[in-house]
Amino acid sequence: MLVEKGKYVRYTYVYPETGKEVKKGKESIWLKSDPGRTEHLFFIPMKDKSLVIRKAESPAGRKIWDVKKKKAVNIF
């Protein structure tokens, strides 16, 4: 059964000074349903698997670094 569909943004965490990954596999995914509901999923690497934390929150005012554009951009 389809629950929702929409857009997503996936990114990794990097150190701003070096651009290197904080920890391999540490990622976030923002989900935005067609009606506009947003969720934030945190993927935290563990020894043999990843811990996923789901949080309903607004991405308002949040920006992420776009390597191709070489600037911070809005999540959606």
C-alpha atoms as a PDB file:
ATOM      1  CA  MET A   1       0.000   0.000   0.000  1.00  0.00           C
ATOM      2  CA  LEU A   2       1.395   3.400  -0.988  1.00  0.00           C
ATOM      3  CA  VAL A   3       1.473   5.690   2.026  1.00  0.00           C
ATOM      4  CA  GLU A   4       2.982   8.858   0.501  1.00  0.00           C
ATOM      5  CA  LYS A   5       5.233   9.951  -2.316  1.00  0.00           C
ATOM      6  CA  GLY A   6       7.232  13.069  -2.949  1.00  0.00           C
ATOM      7  CA  LYS A   7      10.842  14.364  -3.042  1.00  0.00           C
ATOM      8  CA  TYR A   8      13.946  13.672  -1.029  1.00  0.00           C
ATOM      9  CA  VAL A   9      17.377  15.185  -0.389  1.00  0.00           C
ATOM     10  CA  ARG A  10      20.285  12.997   0.783  1.00  0.00           C
ATOM     11  CA  TYR A  11      23.570  14.303   2.117  1.00  0.00           C
ATOM     12  CA  THR A  12      26.631  13.292   4.117  1.00  0.00           C
ATOM     13  CA  TYR A  13      28.236  15.131   6.993  1.00  0.00           C
ATOM     14  CA  VAL A  14      31.608  16.748   6.278  1.00  0.00           C
ATOM     15  CA  TYR A  15      34.029  18.931   8.172  1.00  0.00           C
ATOM     16  CA  PRO A  16      33.636  22.479   6.776  1.00  0.00           C
ATOM     17  CA  GLU A  17      37.362  23.212   7.001  1.00  0.00           C
ATOM     18  CA  THR A  18      38.507  20.158   5.030  1.00  0.00           C
ATOM     19  CA  GLY A  19      35.454  18.873   3.161  1.00  0.00           C
ATOM     20  CA  LYS A  20      36.221  15.346   4.416  1.00  0.00           C
ATOM     21  CA  GLU A  21      33.485  13.050   5.704  1.00  0.00           C
ATOM     22  CA  VAL A  22      32.893  13.140   9.451  1.00  0.00           C
ATOM     23  CA  LYS A  23      32.279   9.391   9.538  1.00  0.00           C
ATOM     24  CA  LYS A  24      31.790   7.053   6.594  1.00  0.00           C
ATOM     25  CA  GLY A  25      28.104   6.200   6.304  1.00  0.00           C
ATOM     26  CA  LYS A  26      26.842   9.090   8.475  1.00  0.00           C
ATOM     27  CA  GLU A  27      24.063  10.610   6.387  1.00  0.00           C
ATOM     28  CA  SER A  28      20.776  12.440   6.542  1.00  0.00           C
ATOM     29  CA  ILE A  29      17.783  12.187   4.283  1.00  0.00           C
ATOM     30  CA  TRP A  30      15.038  14.815   4.168  1.00  0.00           C
ATOM     31  CA  LEU A  31      11.702  13.610   2.850  1.00  0.00           C
ATOM     32  CA  LYS A  32       8.981  15.914   1.588  1.00  0.00           C
ATOM     33  CA  SER A  33       5.615  14.426   0.685  1.00  0.00           C
ATOM     34  CA  ASP A  34       3.512  15.861  -2.132  1.00  0.00           C
ATOM     35  CA  PRO A  35       1.174  17.494   0.424  1.00  0.00           C
ATOM     36  CA  GLY A  36       4.245  19.165   2.017  1.00  0.00           C
ATOM     37  CA  ARG A  37       4.864  17.127   5.195  1.00  0.00           C
ATOM     38  CA  THR A  38       8.589  16.816   5.983  1.00  0.00           C
ATOM     39  CA  GLU A  39      10.609  14.230   7.895  1.00  0.00           C
ATOM     40  CA  HIS A  40      14.294  14.056   8.690  1.00  0.00           C
ATOM     41  CA  LEU A  41      16.031  10.652   8.820  1.00  0.00           C
ATOM     42  CA  PHE A  42      19.464  10.389  10.448  1.00  0.00           C
ATOM     43  CA  PHE A  43      21.613   7.381   9.495  1.00  0.00           C
ATOM     44  CA  ILE A  44      24.301   6.697  12.092  1.00  0.00           C
ATOM     45  CA  PRO A  45      26.758   3.892  11.293  1.00  0.00           C
ATOM     46  CA  MET A  46      27.216   1.250  13.976  1.00  0.00           C
ATOM     47  CA  LYS A  47      29.523  -1.763  13.977  1.00  0.00           C
ATOM     48  CA  ASP A  48      27.581  -4.036  11.587  1.00  0.00           C
ATOM     49  CA  LYS A  49      24.508  -1.936  10.746  1.00  0.00           C
ATOM     50  CA  SER A  50      23.123   1.586  10.873  1.00  0.00           C
ATOM     51  CA  LEU A  51      20.864   3.228  13.418  1.00  0.00           C
ATOM     52  CA  VAL A  52      18.079   5.261  11.807  1.00  0.00           C
ATOM     53  CA  ILE A  53      16.430   8.063  13.760  1.00  0.00           C
ATOM     54  CA  ARG A  54      13.255   9.588  12.344  1.00  0.00           C
ATOM     55  CA  LYS A  55      12.256  13.102  13.318  1.00  0.00           C
ATOM     56  CA  ALA A  56       9.357  15.199  12.038  1.00  0.00           C
ATOM     57  CA  GLU A  57      10.688  18.716  11.687  1.00  0.00           C
ATOM     58  CA  SER A  58      10.774  21.681   9.360  1.00  0.00           C
ATOM     59  CA  PRO A  59      13.771  22.331   7.108  1.00  0.00           C
ATOM     60  CA  ALA A  60      13.000  26.081   7.162  1.00  0.00           C
ATOM     61  CA  GLY A  61      16.233  28.042   7.300  1.00  0.00           C
ATOM     62  CA  ARG A  62      18.420  24.925   6.936  1.00  0.00           C
ATOM     63  CA  LYS A  63      21.003  24.888   4.187  1.00  0.00           C
ATOM     64  CA  ILE A  64      23.418  22.288   2.859  1.00  0.00           C
ATOM     65  CA  TRP A  65      26.624  22.697   0.882  1.00  0.00           C
ATOM     66  CA  ASP A  66      26.237  22.039  -2.857  1.00  0.00           C
ATOM     67  CA  VAL A  67      29.639  21.013  -4.207  1.00  0.00           C
ATOM     68  CA  LYS A  68      28.664  21.651  -7.848  1.00  0.00           C
ATOM     69  CA  LYS A  69      27.382  25.186  -7.149  1.00  0.00           C
ATOM     70  CA  LYS A  70      30.079  25.814  -4.512  1.00  0.00           C
ATOM     71  CA  LYS A  71      27.617  27.430  -2.141  1.00  0.00           C
ATOM     72  CA  ALA A  72      25.050  26.649   0.562  1.00  0.00           C
ATOM     73  CA  VAL A  73      21.560  26.002  -0.811  1.00  0.00           C
ATOM     74  CA  ASN A  74      18.115  25.510   0.742  1.00  0.00           C
ATOM     75  CA  ILE A  75      17.191  21.896   1.351  1.00  0.00           C
ATOM     76  CA  PHE A  76      14.025  22.150  -0.769  1.00  0.00           C
END
